[in-house]
Amino acid sequence: RRGRPRREDRLPGQPSTRDAILEAAADLFATRGFEYATLNDIASAAGLSGGSVYNHFRGKPELFLEVVRATLSALSVKPYLTEHGGAGPELLREVVTDAFCTWGRDDVAEMFDEFHADAVGDYTRLIRGWQAEGLAEKGLDSEMVAQLYLAELLGLCHVELVRPAVDLATFQPLVDAHLDALLTL
């Protein structure tokens, strides 16, 4: 019989059907990318029939978001705080370091690393073009500026976390000024 064993027939320690789908999806999204990882391939890798993914997820976009959510939750210290009621700096540092080291070995982390390397390369070429046109100082290390700019850009993706909320019309001049400063270091 094709498919996963029923919950009562599953061996102890064997992942649930949902977890098996998430694991297979993470692997396929990391190796093939979102566009080329099909739900049928994900189901097959999880040991399921094609349509059974829909018993747990509405579609590929929802599945992808859940993979990202699960990956990012590995960085949370909430379970540690719940278990221990708090942590001193050394214990917290150990937990966070462990989370990052574990996350860093994950296939999804490799996907982010590939994105980062590709983006830094693109920004480096862009900045070198600006240098050639006199829009950025010629003596700048274009790759270092690209890395700093990308780090800032990714950080700005979380501007919605700033409280009180930031008015983007007020915030934009700060971003522009910082970019100008990066290009004239």
Protein backbone atom coordinates (compact mmCIF):
# COMPACT_ATOMS: atom_id res chain seq x y z
CA ARG A 1 0.00 0.00 0.00
CA ARG A 2 1.34 3.41 -0.99
CA GLY A 3 1.34 6.20 1.57
CA ARG A 4 2.35 6.75 5.17
CA PRO A 5 1.23 4.51 8.01
CA ARG A 6 -1.73 5.66 10.03
CA ARG A 7 -0.88 7.48 13.24
CA GLU A 8 -1.62 4.41 15.35
CA ASP A 9 0.54 2.20 13.07
CA ARG A 10 3.51 4.58 13.02
CA LEU A 11 6.68 3.51 14.80
CA PRO A 12 7.82 5.60 17.79
CA GLY A 13 10.04 8.46 16.65
CA GLN A 14 8.76 8.28 13.07
CA PRO A 15 7.75 11.75 11.82
CA SER A 16 4.12 12.65 11.33
CA THR A 17 2.84 12.93 7.77
CA ARG A 18 2.91 16.72 8.03
CA ASP A 19 6.52 16.69 9.28
CA ALA A 20 7.53 14.29 6.49
CA ILE A 21 5.99 16.66 3.93
CA LEU A 22 7.80 19.64 5.46
CA GLU A 23 11.14 17.79 5.46
CA ALA A 24 10.74 16.68 1.85
CA ALA A 25 9.64 20.17 0.81
CA ALA A 26 12.63 21.80 2.52
CA ASP A 27 14.99 19.45 0.71
CA LEU A 28 13.37 19.97 -2.70
CA PHE A 29 12.96 23.74 -2.33
CA ALA A 30 16.64 23.96 -1.38
CA THR A 31 17.89 21.78 -4.25
CA ARG A 32 15.46 22.71 -7.04
CA GLY A 33 14.08 26.08 -5.99
CA PHE A 34 10.45 27.00 -5.47
CA GLU A 35 9.55 27.02 -9.16
CA TYR A 36 10.86 23.53 -9.97
CA ALA A 37 9.86 21.68 -6.80
CA THR A 38 6.47 20.19 -7.64
CA LEU A 39 3.91 19.03 -5.12
CA ASN A 40 3.94 15.58 -6.72
CA ASP A 41 7.72 15.34 -6.22
CA ILE A 42 7.40 16.56 -2.63
CA ALA A 43 4.66 14.01 -1.92
CA SER A 44 6.72 11.23 -3.50
CA ALA A 45 9.81 12.17 -1.46
CA ALA A 46 7.65 12.03 1.67
CA GLY A 47 6.34 8.58 0.69
CA LEU A 48 2.86 9.84 -0.16
CA SER A 49 0.54 9.92 -3.13
CA GLY A 50 0.42 13.17 -5.11
CA GLY A 51 -2.80 14.70 -3.85
CA SER A 52 -2.25 13.92 -0.19
CA VAL A 53 -0.21 17.10 0.36
CA TYR A 54 -3.51 18.96 0.03
CA ASN A 55 -4.74 17.22 3.18
CA HIS A 56 -2.20 19.33 5.10
CA PHE A 57 -1.51 22.43 2.97
CA ARG A 58 -3.62 24.52 0.55
CA GLY A 59 -0.84 24.59 -2.02
CA LYS A 60 2.83 25.15 -2.71
CA PRO A 61 2.96 28.80 -1.52
CA GLU A 62 1.52 27.87 1.87
CA LEU A 63 3.89 24.89 2.12
CA PHE A 64 6.88 27.09 1.27
CA LEU A 65 5.93 29.64 3.93
CA GLU A 66 5.61 26.87 6.48
CA VAL A 67 9.08 25.55 5.57
CA VAL A 68 10.52 29.05 6.05
CA ARG A 69 8.59 29.46 9.33
CA ALA A 70 9.90 26.13 10.63
CA THR A 71 13.44 27.00 9.60
CA LEU A 72 13.34 30.38 11.31
CA SER A 73 11.76 28.89 14.44
CA ALA A 74 15.01 26.97 14.92
CA LEU A 75 16.51 30.34 15.88
CA SER A 76 13.99 30.94 18.66
CA VAL A 77 15.07 30.68 22.27
CA LYS A 78 11.45 30.55 23.44
CA PRO A 79 11.52 26.80 24.20
CA TYR A 80 14.64 27.30 26.30
CA LEU A 81 13.09 30.20 28.19
CA THR A 82 9.92 28.18 28.77
CA GLU A 83 11.87 25.21 30.11
CA HIS A 84 14.26 27.18 32.29
CA GLY A 85 12.25 30.29 33.15
CA GLY A 86 15.05 32.55 31.97
CA ALA A 87 18.71 32.42 31.12
CA GLY A 88 21.90 34.19 32.06
CA PRO A 89 24.07 35.67 29.32
CA GLU A 90 26.35 32.63 29.04
CA LEU A 91 23.49 30.15 28.78
CA LEU A 92 21.61 32.34 26.33
CA ARG A 93 24.76 32.75 24.22
CA GLU A 94 25.18 28.97 24.16
CA VAL A 95 21.58 28.40 23.06
CA VAL A 96 21.73 31.05 20.33
CA THR A 97 25.11 29.80 19.09
CA ASP A 98 23.78 26.24 18.97
CA ALA A 99 20.67 27.37 17.05
CA PHE A 100 22.76 29.23 14.48
CA CYS A 101 25.23 26.37 14.09
CA THR A 102 22.42 23.86 13.64
CA TRP A 103 20.57 26.14 11.26
CA GLY A 104 23.77 26.82 9.34
CA ARG A 105 24.02 23.15 8.32
CA ASP A 106 20.51 23.06 6.95
CA ASP A 107 19.76 22.88 3.21
CA VAL A 108 17.64 26.02 3.49
CA ALA A 109 20.67 27.84 4.93
CA GLU A 110 22.61 26.74 1.85
CA MET A 111 19.88 28.26 -0.29
CA PHE A 112 20.25 31.56 1.62
CA ASP A 113 24.04 31.37 1.23
CA GLU A 114 23.66 30.93 -2.53
CA PHE A 115 21.25 33.86 -2.66
CA HIS A 116 23.68 35.98 -0.63
CA ALA A 117 26.69 35.15 -2.84
CA ASP A 118 24.68 35.84 -6.00
CA ALA A 119 23.27 39.12 -4.64
CA VAL A 120 26.68 40.32 -3.44
CA GLY A 121 28.09 39.57 -6.90
CA ASP A 122 25.29 41.54 -8.56
CA TYR A 123 25.65 44.50 -6.19
CA THR A 124 29.44 44.44 -6.60
CA ARG A 125 29.07 44.70 -10.39
CA LEU A 126 26.54 47.51 -9.96
CA ILE A 127 28.85 49.45 -7.62
CA ARG A 128 31.82 48.95 -9.95
CA GLY A 129 29.68 50.44 -12.73
CA TRP A 130 28.89 53.41 -10.47
CA GLN A 131 32.59 53.80 -9.76
CA ALA A 132 33.35 53.84 -13.49
CA GLU A 133 30.67 56.53 -13.99
CA GLY A 134 31.98 58.61 -11.07
CA LEU A 135 28.87 57.99 -8.93
CA ALA A 136 30.88 56.20 -6.21
CA GLU A 137 34.44 56.67 -5.00
CA LYS A 138 36.90 54.70 -7.11
CA GLY A 139 38.99 53.59 -4.11
CA LEU A 140 36.12 51.78 -2.39
CA ASP A 141 36.24 48.01 -1.93
CA SER A 142 33.13 47.41 -4.03
CA GLU A 143 32.55 43.92 -2.67
CA MET A 144 32.70 45.11 0.95
CA VAL A 145 30.27 47.95 0.17
CA ALA A 146 27.99 45.40 -1.55
CA GLN A 147 28.08 43.16 1.54
CA LEU A 148 27.30 46.08 3.87
CA TYR A 149 24.51 47.32 1.62
CA LEU A 150 22.94 43.86 1.36
CA ALA A 151 23.13 43.41 5.14
CA GLU A 152 21.40 46.76 5.60
CA LEU A 153 18.81 45.99 2.95
CA LEU A 154 17.94 42.65 4.55
CA GLY A 155 17.76 44.37 7.93
CA LEU A 156 15.35 46.92 6.50
CA CYS A 157 13.04 44.06 5.59
CA HIS A 158 12.23 44.04 9.29
CA VAL A 159 11.41 47.75 9.58
CA GLU A 160 7.84 46.71 10.40
CA LEU A 161 9.18 45.44 13.71
CA VAL A 162 10.26 48.92 14.80
CA ARG A 163 7.86 50.37 17.35
CA PRO A 164 6.37 52.87 17.24
CA ALA A 165 5.78 52.31 13.54
CA VAL A 166 8.10 54.23 11.23
CA ASP A 167 6.63 56.55 8.63
CA LEU A 168 8.37 55.53 5.41
CA ALA A 169 8.37 59.13 4.13
CA THR A 170 10.45 60.07 7.18
CA PHE A 171 12.54 56.92 6.98
CA GLN A 172 13.48 57.13 3.27
CA PRO A 173 15.85 60.13 3.66
CA LEU A 174 17.74 58.21 6.35
CA VAL A 175 18.15 55.22 4.03
CA ASP A 176 19.26 57.51 1.17
CA ALA A 177 21.79 59.27 3.40
CA HIS A 178 23.19 55.95 4.58
CA LEU A 179 23.55 54.65 1.02
CA ASP A 180 25.32 57.88 0.04
CA ALA A 181 27.67 57.40 3.00
CA LEU A 182 28.41 53.80 2.00
CA LEU A 183 29.34 54.93 -1.50
CA THR A 184 31.72 57.59 -0.25
CA LEU A 185 33.52 55.76 2.57
